[in-house]
PDB file of N, CA and C in Angstrom:
ATOM      1  N   UNK A   1     137.448 175.727  26.071  1.00  0.00           N
ATOM      2  CA  UNK A   1     137.392 176.779  25.075  1.00  0.00           C
ATOM      3  C   UNK A   1     136.015 176.747  24.413  1.00  0.00           C
ATOM      4  N   UNK A   2     135.371 177.865  24.342  1.00  0.00           N
ATOM      5  CA  UNK A   2     134.040 177.936  23.735  1.00  0.00           C
ATOM      6  C   UNK A   2     134.153 178.203  22.246  1.00  0.00           C
ATOM      7  N   UNK A   3     133.023 178.088  21.544  1.00  0.00           N
ATOM      8  CA  UNK A   3     133.020 178.347  20.108  1.00  0.00           C
ATOM      9  C   UNK A   3     133.434 179.784  19.802  1.00  0.00           C
ATOM     10  N   UNK A   4     133.208 180.706  20.724  1.00  0.00           N
ATOM     11  CA  UNK A   4     133.583 182.091  20.496  1.00  0.00           C
ATOM     12  C   UNK A   4     135.103 182.259  20.509  1.00  0.00           C
ATOM     13  N   UNK A   5     135.845 181.309  21.045  1.00  0.00           N
ATOM     14  CA  UNK A   5     137.293 181.392  21.127  1.00  0.00           C
ATOM     15  C   UNK A   5     137.981 180.718  19.940  1.00  0.00           C
ATOM     16  N   UNK A   6     137.255 180.406  18.879  1.00  0.00           N
ATOM     17  CA  UNK A   6     137.840 179.808  17.689  1.00  0.00           C
ATOM     18  C   UNK A   6     137.793 180.811  16.546  1.00  0.00           C
ATOM     19  N   UNK A   7     138.475 180.472  15.476  1.00  0.00           N
ATOM     20  CA  UNK A   7     138.462 181.323  14.291  1.00  0.00           C
ATOM     21  C   UNK A   7     137.303 180.979  13.365  1.00  0.00           C
ATOM     22  N   UNK A   8     136.578 179.912  13.693  1.00  0.00           N
ATOM     23  CA  UNK A   8     135.468 179.454  12.852  1.00  0.00           C
ATOM     24  C   UNK A   8     134.151 180.040  13.333  1.00  0.00           C
ATOM     25  N   UNK A   9     133.262 180.264  12.371  1.00  0.00           N
ATOM     26  CA  UNK A   9     131.887 180.633  12.691  1.00  0.00           C
ATOM     27  C   UNK A   9     131.034 179.428  12.353  1.00  0.00           C
ATOM     28  N   UNK A  10     130.393 178.868  13.359  1.00  0.00           N
ATOM     29  CA  UNK A  10     129.592 177.661  13.163  1.00  0.00           C
ATOM     30  C   UNK A  10     128.150 178.030  12.908  1.00  0.00           C
ATOM     31  N   UNK A  11     127.472 177.256  12.059  1.00  0.00           N
ATOM     32  CA  UNK A  11     127.957 176.113  11.286  1.00  0.00           C
ATOM     33  C   UNK A  11     128.808 176.570  10.109  1.00  0.00           C
ATOM     34  N   UNK A  12     129.738 175.683   9.683  1.00  0.00           N
ATOM     35  CA  UNK A  12     130.590 175.986   8.537  1.00  0.00           C
ATOM     36  C   UNK A  12     130.982 174.694   7.841  1.00  0.00           C
ATOM     37  N   UNK A  13     131.302 174.806   6.556  1.00  0.00           N
ATOM     38  CA  UNK A  13     131.792 173.650   5.807  1.00  0.00           C
ATOM     39  C   UNK A  13     133.222 173.395   6.241  1.00  0.00           C
ATOM     40  N   UNK A  14     133.526 172.136   6.554  1.00  0.00           N
ATOM     41  CA  UNK A  14     134.837 171.800   7.099  1.00  0.00           C
ATOM     42  C   UNK A  14     135.373 170.532   6.457  1.00  0.00           C
ATOM     43  N   UNK A  15     136.550 170.599   5.822  1.00  0.00           N
ATOM     44  CA  UNK A  15     137.153 169.386   5.263  1.00  0.00           C
ATOM     45  C   UNK A  15     138.158 168.784   6.245  1.00  0.00           C
ATOM     46  N   UNK A  16     138.109 167.482   6.408  1.00  0.00           N
ATOM     47  CA  UNK A  16     139.112 166.761   7.198  1.00  0.00           C
ATOM     48  C   UNK A  16     139.795 165.794   6.254  1.00  0.00           C
ATOM     49  N   UNK A  17     141.132 165.835   6.244  1.00  0.00           N
ATOM     50  CA  UNK A  17     141.913 164.913   5.422  1.00  0.00           C
ATOM     51  C   UNK A  17     142.567 163.903   6.358  1.00  0.00           C
ATOM     52  N   UNK A  18     142.378 162.625   6.036  1.00  0.00           N
ATOM     53  CA  UNK A  18     142.885 161.528   6.850  1.00  0.00           C
ATOM     54  C   UNK A  18     143.785 160.660   5.979  1.00  0.00           C
ATOM     55  N   UNK A  19     144.959 160.318   6.500  1.00  0.00           N
ATOM     56  CA  UNK A  19     145.902 159.503   5.728  1.00  0.00           C
ATOM     57  C   UNK A  19     146.276 158.233   6.487  1.00  0.00           C
ATOM     58  N   UNK A  20     146.440 157.162   5.715  1.00  0.00           N
ATOM     59  CA  UNK A  20     146.825 155.882   6.284  1.00  0.00           C
ATOM     60  C   UNK A  20     147.299 154.948   5.185  1.00  0.00           C
ATOM     61  N   UNK A  21     147.630 153.726   5.580  1.00  0.00           N
ATOM     62  CA  UNK A  21     148.056 152.744   4.585  1.00  0.00           C
ATOM     63  C   UNK A  21     146.870 152.373   3.707  1.00  0.00           C
ATOM     64  N   UNK A  22     147.130 152.223   2.419  1.00  0.00           N
ATOM     65  CA  UNK A  22     146.072 151.929   1.452  1.00  0.00           C
ATOM     66  C   UNK A  22     145.436 150.569   1.746  1.00  0.00           C
ATOM     67  N   UNK A  23     144.118 150.550   1.721  1.00  0.00           N
ATOM     68  CA  UNK A  23     143.343 149.320   1.899  1.00  0.00           C
ATOM     69  C   UNK A  23     141.991 149.538   1.245  1.00  0.00           C
ATOM     70  N   UNK A  24     141.361 148.439   0.821  1.00  0.00           N
ATOM     71  CA  UNK A  24     140.059 148.539   0.155  1.00  0.00           C
ATOM     72  C   UNK A  24     139.005 149.207   1.025  1.00  0.00           C
ATOM     73  N   UNK A  25     139.101 149.032   2.338  1.00  0.00           N
ATOM     74  CA  UNK A  25     138.067 149.551   3.230  1.00  0.00           C
ATOM     75  C   UNK A  25     138.505 150.790   4.010  1.00  0.00           C
ATOM     76  N   UNK A  26     139.642 151.402   3.658  1.00  0.00           N
ATOM     77  CA  UNK A  26     140.128 152.539   4.438  1.00  0.00           C
ATOM     78  C   UNK A  26     139.152 153.707   4.403  1.00  0.00           C
ATOM     79  N   UNK A  27     138.639 154.050   3.217  1.00  0.00           N
ATOM     80  CA  UNK A  27     137.703 155.177   3.141  1.00  0.00           C
ATOM     81  C   UNK A  27     136.428 154.917   3.923  1.00  0.00           C
ATOM     82  N   UNK A  28     135.890 153.713   3.855  1.00  0.00           N
ATOM     83  CA  UNK A  28     134.667 153.418   4.612  1.00  0.00           C
ATOM     84  C   UNK A  28     134.944 153.403   6.114  1.00  0.00           C
ATOM     85  N   UNK A  29     136.148 153.007   6.507  1.00  0.00           N
ATOM     86  CA  UNK A  29     136.523 153.023   7.927  1.00  0.00           C
ATOM     87  C   UNK A  29     136.534 154.461   8.451  1.00  0.00           C
ATOM     88  N   UNK A  30     137.135 155.364   7.691  1.00  0.00           N
ATOM     89  CA  UNK A  30     137.185 156.776   8.071  1.00  0.00           C
ATOM     90  C   UNK A  30     135.775 157.355   8.144  1.00  0.00           C
ATOM     91  N   UNK A  31     134.961 157.079   7.141  1.00  0.00           N
ATOM     92  CA  UNK A  31     133.592 157.604   7.105  1.00  0.00           C
ATOM     93  C   UNK A  31     132.777 157.073   8.286  1.00  0.00           C
ATOM     94  N   UNK A  32     132.966 155.815   8.652  1.00  0.00           N
ATOM     95  CA  UNK A  32     132.252 155.248   9.806  1.00  0.00           C
ATOM     96  C   UNK A  32     132.576 156.029  11.073  1.00  0.00           C
ATOM     97  N   UNK A  33     133.833 156.365  11.268  1.00  0.00           N
ATOM     98  CA  UNK A  33     134.216 157.139  12.455  1.00  0.00           C
ATOM     99  C   UNK A  33     133.576 158.520  12.415  1.00  0.00           C
ATOM    100  N   UNK A  34     133.653 159.194  11.285  1.00  0.00           N
ATOM    101  CA  UNK A  34     133.104 160.551  11.186  1.00  0.00           C
ATOM    102  C   UNK A  34     131.586 160.541  11.328  1.00  0.00           C
ATOM    103  N   UNK A  35     130.923 159.520  10.803  1.00  0.00           N
ATOM    104  CA  UNK A  35     129.454 159.456  10.902  1.00  0.00           C
ATOM    105  C   UNK A  35     128.961 159.321  12.339  1.00  0.00           C
ATOM    106  N   UNK A  36     129.801 158.887  13.245  1.00  0.00           N
ATOM    107  CA  UNK A  36     129.407 158.848  14.661  1.00  0.00           C
ATOM    108  C   UNK A  36     129.146 160.262  15.179  1.00  0.00           C
ATOM    109  N   UNK A  37     129.760 161.248  14.531  1.00  0.00           N
ATOM    110  CA  UNK A  37     129.680 162.634  14.989  1.00  0.00           C
ATOM    111  C   UNK A  37     128.927 163.540  14.021  1.00  0.00           C
ATOM    112  N   UNK A  38     128.754 163.069  12.775  1.00  0.00           N
ATOM    113  CA  UNK A  38     128.078 163.852  11.728  1.00  0.00           C
ATOM    114  C   UNK A  38     127.052 162.941  11.067  1.00  0.00           C
ATOM    115  N   UNK A  39     125.809 163.165  11.347  1.00  0.00           N
ATOM    116  CA  UNK A  39     124.771 162.250  10.847  1.00  0.00           C
ATOM    117  C   UNK A  39     124.351 162.537   9.406  1.00  0.00           C
ATOM    118  N   UNK A  40     124.620 163.719   8.921  1.00  0.00           N
ATOM    119  CA  UNK A  40     124.094 164.109   7.601  1.00  0.00           C
ATOM    120  C   UNK A  40     125.192 164.387   6.581  1.00  0.00           C
ATOM    121  N   UNK A  41     126.042 163.399   6.337  1.00  0.00           N
ATOM    122  CA  UNK A  41     127.044 163.559   5.281  1.00  0.00           C
ATOM    123  C   UNK A  41     126.344 163.564   3.925  1.00  0.00           C
ATOM    124  N   UNK A  42     126.680 164.542   3.110  1.00  0.00           N
ATOM    125  CA  UNK A  42     126.013 164.654   1.817  1.00  0.00           C
ATOM    126  C   UNK A  42     126.669 163.757   0.779  1.00  0.00           C
ATOM    127  N   UNK A  43     125.943 163.525  -0.286  1.00  0.00           N
ATOM    128  CA  UNK A  43     126.473 162.783  -1.436  1.00  0.00           C
ATOM    129  C   UNK A  43     127.665 163.573  -1.972  1.00  0.00           C
ATOM    130  N   UNK A  44     128.742 162.920  -2.242  1.00  0.00           N
ATOM    131  CA  UNK A  44     129.923 163.601  -2.742  1.00  0.00           C
ATOM    132  C   UNK A  44     130.787 164.223  -1.655  1.00  0.00           C
ATOM    133  N   UNK A  45     130.507 163.926  -0.384  1.00  0.00           N
ATOM    134  CA  UNK A  45     131.281 164.499   0.720  1.00  0.00           C
ATOM    135  C   UNK A  45     132.646 163.850   0.867  1.00  0.00           C
ATOM    136  N   UNK A  46     132.829 162.698   0.254  1.00  0.00           N
ATOM    137  CA  UNK A  46     134.056 161.925   0.434  1.00  0.00           C
ATOM    138  C   UNK A  46     134.827 161.832  -0.876  1.00  0.00           C
ATOM    139  N   UNK A  47     136.112 162.134  -0.801  1.00  0.00           N
ATOM    140  CA  UNK A  47     136.995 161.904  -1.945  1.00  0.00           C
ATOM    141  C   UNK A  47     138.238 161.207  -1.421  1.00  0.00           C
ATOM    142  N   UNK A  48     138.843 160.386  -2.280  1.00  0.00           N
ATOM    143  CA  UNK A  48     140.051 159.703  -1.833  1.00  0.00           C
ATOM    144  C   UNK A  48     141.085 159.678  -2.941  1.00  0.00           C
ATOM    145  N   UNK A  49     142.313 159.450  -2.507  1.00  0.00           N
ATOM    146  CA  UNK A  49     143.429 159.429  -3.447  1.00  0.00           C
ATOM    147  C   UNK A  49     144.481 158.473  -2.914  1.00  0.00           C
ATOM    148  N   UNK A  50     145.036 157.674  -3.786  1.00  0.00           N
ATOM    149  CA  UNK A  50     146.103 156.751  -3.426  1.00  0.00           C
ATOM    150  C   UNK A  50     147.428 157.353  -3.862  1.00  0.00           C
ATOM    151  N   UNK A  51     148.461 157.169  -3.049  1.00  0.00           N
ATOM    152  CA  UNK A  51     149.781 157.718  -3.372  1.00  0.00           C
ATOM    153  C   UNK A  51     150.316 157.099  -4.664  1.00  0.00           C
ATOM    154  N   UNK A  52     151.300 157.754  -5.255  1.00  0.00           N
ATOM    155  CA  UNK A  52     151.840 157.276  -6.528  1.00  0.00           C
ATOM    156  C   UNK A  52     152.442 155.879  -6.406  1.00  0.00           C
ATOM    157  N   UNK A  53     152.963 155.538  -5.247  1.00  0.00           N
ATOM    158  CA  UNK A  53     153.515 154.205  -5.037  1.00  0.00           C
ATOM    159  C   UNK A  53     152.477 153.186  -4.616  1.00  0.00           C
ATOM    160  N   UNK A  54     151.265 153.649  -4.326  1.00  0.00           N
ATOM    161  CA  UNK A  54     150.170 152.762  -3.956  1.00  0.00           C
ATOM    162  C   UNK A  54     150.185 152.296  -2.508  1.00  0.00           C
ATOM    163  N   UNK A  55     151.111 152.815  -1.704  1.00  0.00           N
ATOM    164  CA  UNK A  55     151.218 152.351  -0.320  1.00  0.00           C
ATOM    165  C   UNK A  55     150.278 153.100   0.627  1.00  0.00           C
ATOM    166  N   UNK A  56     150.014 154.361   0.337  1.00  0.00           N
ATOM    167  CA  UNK A  56     149.213 155.187   1.232  1.00  0.00           C
ATOM    168  C   UNK A  56     147.959 155.702   0.528  1.00  0.00           C
ATOM    169  N   UNK A  57     146.987 156.069   1.335  1.00  0.00           N
ATOM    170  CA  UNK A  57     145.718 156.576   0.819  1.00  0.00           C
ATOM    171  C   UNK A  57     145.311 157.772   1.666  1.00  0.00           C
ATOM    172  N   UNK A  58     144.768 158.793   1.015  1.00  0.00           N
ATOM    173  CA  UNK A  58     144.203 159.923   1.752  1.00  0.00           C
ATOM    174  C   UNK A  58     142.708 159.983   1.449  1.00  0.00           C
ATOM    175  N   UNK A  59     141.957 160.292   2.484  1.00  0.00           N
ATOM    176  CA  UNK A  59     140.504 160.419   2.365  1.00  0.00           C
ATOM    177  C   UNK A  59     140.148 161.801   2.894  1.00  0.00           C
ATOM    178  N   UNK A  60     139.448 162.589   2.093  1.00  0.00           N
ATOM    179  CA  UNK A  60     138.976 163.895   2.533  1.00  0.00           C
ATOM    180  C   UNK A  60     137.465 163.830   2.663  1.00  0.00           C
ATOM    181  N   UNK A  61     136.979 164.213   3.839  1.00  0.00           N
ATOM    182  CA  UNK A  61     135.541 164.236   4.103  1.00  0.00           C
ATOM    183  C   UNK A  61     135.171 165.679   4.428  1.00  0.00           C
ATOM    184  N   UNK A  62     134.245 166.238   3.659  1.00  0.00           N
ATOM    185  CA  UNK A  62     133.789 167.605   3.877  1.00  0.00           C
ATOM    186  C   UNK A  62     132.361 167.556   4.403  1.00  0.00           C
ATOM    187  N   UNK A  63     132.127 168.251   5.506  1.00  0.00           N
ATOM    188  CA  UNK A  63     130.814 168.210   6.155  1.00  0.00           C
ATOM    189  C   UNK A  63     130.525 169.562   6.794  1.00  0.00           C
ATOM    190  N   UNK A  64     129.310 169.737   7.266  1.00  0.00           N
ATOM    191  CA  UNK A  64     128.942 170.954   7.979  1.00  0.00           C
ATOM    192  C   UNK A  64     129.249 170.754   9.453  1.00  0.00           C
ATOM    193  N   UNK A  65     130.258 171.462   9.922  1.00  0.00           N
ATOM    194  CA  UNK A  65     130.630 171.390  11.333  1.00  0.00           C
ATOM    195  C   UNK A  65     129.718 172.298  12.131  1.00  0.00           C
ATOM    196  N   UNK A  66     129.277 171.814  13.276  1.00  0.00           N
ATOM    197  CA  UNK A  66     128.330 172.582  14.083  1.00  0.00           C
ATOM    198  C   UNK A  66     128.945 173.199  15.331  1.00  0.00           C
ATOM    199  N   UNK A  67     130.126 172.715  15.756  1.00  0.00           N
ATOM    200  CA  UNK A  67     130.755 173.270  16.958  1.00  0.00           C
ATOM    201  C   UNK A  67     132.205 172.826  17.052  1.00  0.00           C
ATOM    202  N   UNK A  68     132.948 173.531  17.879  1.00  0.00           N
ATOM    203  CA  UNK A  68     134.329 173.143  18.146  1.00  0.00           C
ATOM    204  C   UNK A  68     134.366 171.810  18.872  1.00  0.00           C
ATOM    205  N   UNK A  69     133.420 171.590  19.764  1.00  0.00           N
ATOM    206  CA  UNK A  69     133.359 170.317  20.497  1.00  0.00           C
ATOM    207  C   UNK A  69     133.192 169.143  19.533  1.00  0.00           C
ATOM    208  N   UNK A  70     132.378 169.312  18.509  1.00  0.00           N
ATOM    209  CA  UNK A  70     132.193 168.265  17.503  1.00  0.00           C
ATOM    210  C   UNK A  70     133.507 167.984  16.786  1.00  0.00           C
ATOM    211  N   UNK A  71     134.202 169.039  16.354  1.00  0.00           N
ATOM    212  CA  UNK A  71     135.474 168.865  15.659  1.00  0.00           C
ATOM    213  C   UNK A  71     136.507 168.196  16.570  1.00  0.00           C
ATOM    214  N   UNK A  72     136.566 168.615  17.817  1.00  0.00           N
ATOM    215  CA  UNK A  72     137.505 168.009  18.770  1.00  0.00           C
ATOM    216  C   UNK A  72     137.232 166.520  18.926  1.00  0.00           C
ATOM    217  N   UNK A  73     135.972 166.141  19.050  1.00  0.00           N
ATOM    218  CA  UNK A  73     135.610 164.731  19.222  1.00  0.00           C
ATOM    219  C   UNK A  73     136.006 163.909  17.994  1.00  0.00           C
ATOM    220  N   UNK A  74     135.796 164.466  16.814  1.00  0.00           N
ATOM    221  CA  UNK A  74     136.178 163.765  15.576  1.00  0.00           C
ATOM    222  C   UNK A  74     137.686 163.574  15.528  1.00  0.00           C
ATOM    223  N   UNK A  75     138.443 164.641  15.779  1.00  0.00           N
ATOM    224  CA  UNK A  75     139.908 164.542  15.744  1.00  0.00           C
ATOM    225  C   UNK A  75     140.430 163.563  16.789  1.00  0.00           C
ATOM    226  N   UNK A  76     139.867 163.570  17.977  1.00  0.00           N
ATOM    227  CA  UNK A  76     140.311 162.644  19.025  1.00  0.00           C
ATOM    228  C   UNK A  76     140.095 161.200  18.600  1.00  0.00           C
ATOM    229  N   UNK A  77     138.913 160.901  18.063  1.00  0.00           N
ATOM    230  CA  UNK A  77     138.633 159.521  17.658  1.00  0.00           C
ATOM    231  C   UNK A  77     139.482 159.092  16.458  1.00  0.00           C
ATOM    232  N   UNK A  78     139.656 159.985  15.494  1.00  0.00           N
ATOM    233  CA  UNK A  78     140.464 159.640  14.324  1.00  0.00           C
ATOM    234  C   UNK A  78     141.924 159.396  14.707  1.00  0.00           C
ATOM    235  N   UNK A  79     142.490 160.257  15.533  1.00  0.00           N
ATOM    236  CA  UNK A  79     143.902 160.114  15.890  1.00  0.00           C
ATOM    237  C   UNK A  79     144.140 158.929  16.827  1.00  0.00           C
ATOM    238  N   UNK A  80     143.116 158.449  17.489  1.00  0.00           N
ATOM    239  CA  UNK A  80     143.258 157.278  18.363  1.00  0.00           C
ATOM    240  C   UNK A  80     143.271 155.961  17.578  1.00  0.00           C
ATOM    241  N   UNK A  81     142.847 156.005  16.326  1.00  0.00           N
ATOM    242  CA  UNK A  81     142.761 154.801  15.503  1.00  0.00           C
ATOM    243  C   UNK A  81     144.152 154.409  14.983  1.00  0.00           C
ATOM    244  N   UNK A  82     144.532 153.168  15.196  1.00  0.00           N
ATOM    245  CA  UNK A  82     145.867 152.699  14.790  1.00  0.00           C
ATOM    246  C   UNK A  82     146.043 152.641  13.267  1.00  0.00           C
ATOM    247  N   UNK A  83     144.974 152.573  12.520  1.00  0.00           N
ATOM    248  CA  UNK A  83     145.059 152.515  11.050  1.00  0.00           C
ATOM    249  C   UNK A  83     145.340 153.889  10.447  1.00  0.00           C
ATOM    250  N   UNK A  84     145.109 154.924  11.205  1.00  0.00           N
ATOM    251  CA  UNK A  84     145.245 156.291  10.701  1.00  0.00           C
ATOM    252  C   UNK A  84     146.605 156.838  11.109  1.00  0.00           C
ATOM    253  N   UNK A  85     147.348 157.310  10.121  1.00  0.00           N
ATOM    254  CA  UNK A  85     148.706 157.835  10.366  1.00  0.00           C
ATOM    255  C   UNK A  85     148.724 159.335  10.600  1.00  0.00           C
ATOM    256  N   UNK A  86     147.805 160.082   9.947  1.00  0.00           N
ATOM    257  CA  UNK A  86     147.811 161.529  10.060  1.00  0.00           C
ATOM    258  C   UNK A  86     146.414 162.078   9.784  1.00  0.00           C
ATOM    259  N   UNK A  87     146.065 163.155  10.518  1.00  0.00           N
ATOM    260  CA  UNK A  87     144.780 163.828  10.315  1.00  0.00           C
ATOM    261  C   UNK A  87     145.070 165.325  10.171  1.00  0.00           C
ATOM    262  N   UNK A  88     144.569 165.891   9.095  1.00  0.00           N
ATOM    263  CA  UNK A  88     144.745 167.340   8.853  1.00  0.00           C
ATOM    264  C   UNK A  88     143.400 168.013   8.793  1.00  0.00           C
TER     265      UNK A  88
END
């Protein structure tokens, strides 16, 4: 599928929300994976939130997506990670 077959016009700002069990290094783990595909994450691109019970954590990373292939590669790598429970 080419970029013309998506609903997105690239480049565009794109948020990815990643959820997993809460840990001190969960946000940095997620950012490390995304940085393999996005070299220019801006200051303030990452926000995180811990669930009310403290068991789970969500990390949202907003970046400039350049292609569908880039987004596919990020989603594939994130979903392959055993520490990550869900990617939106």
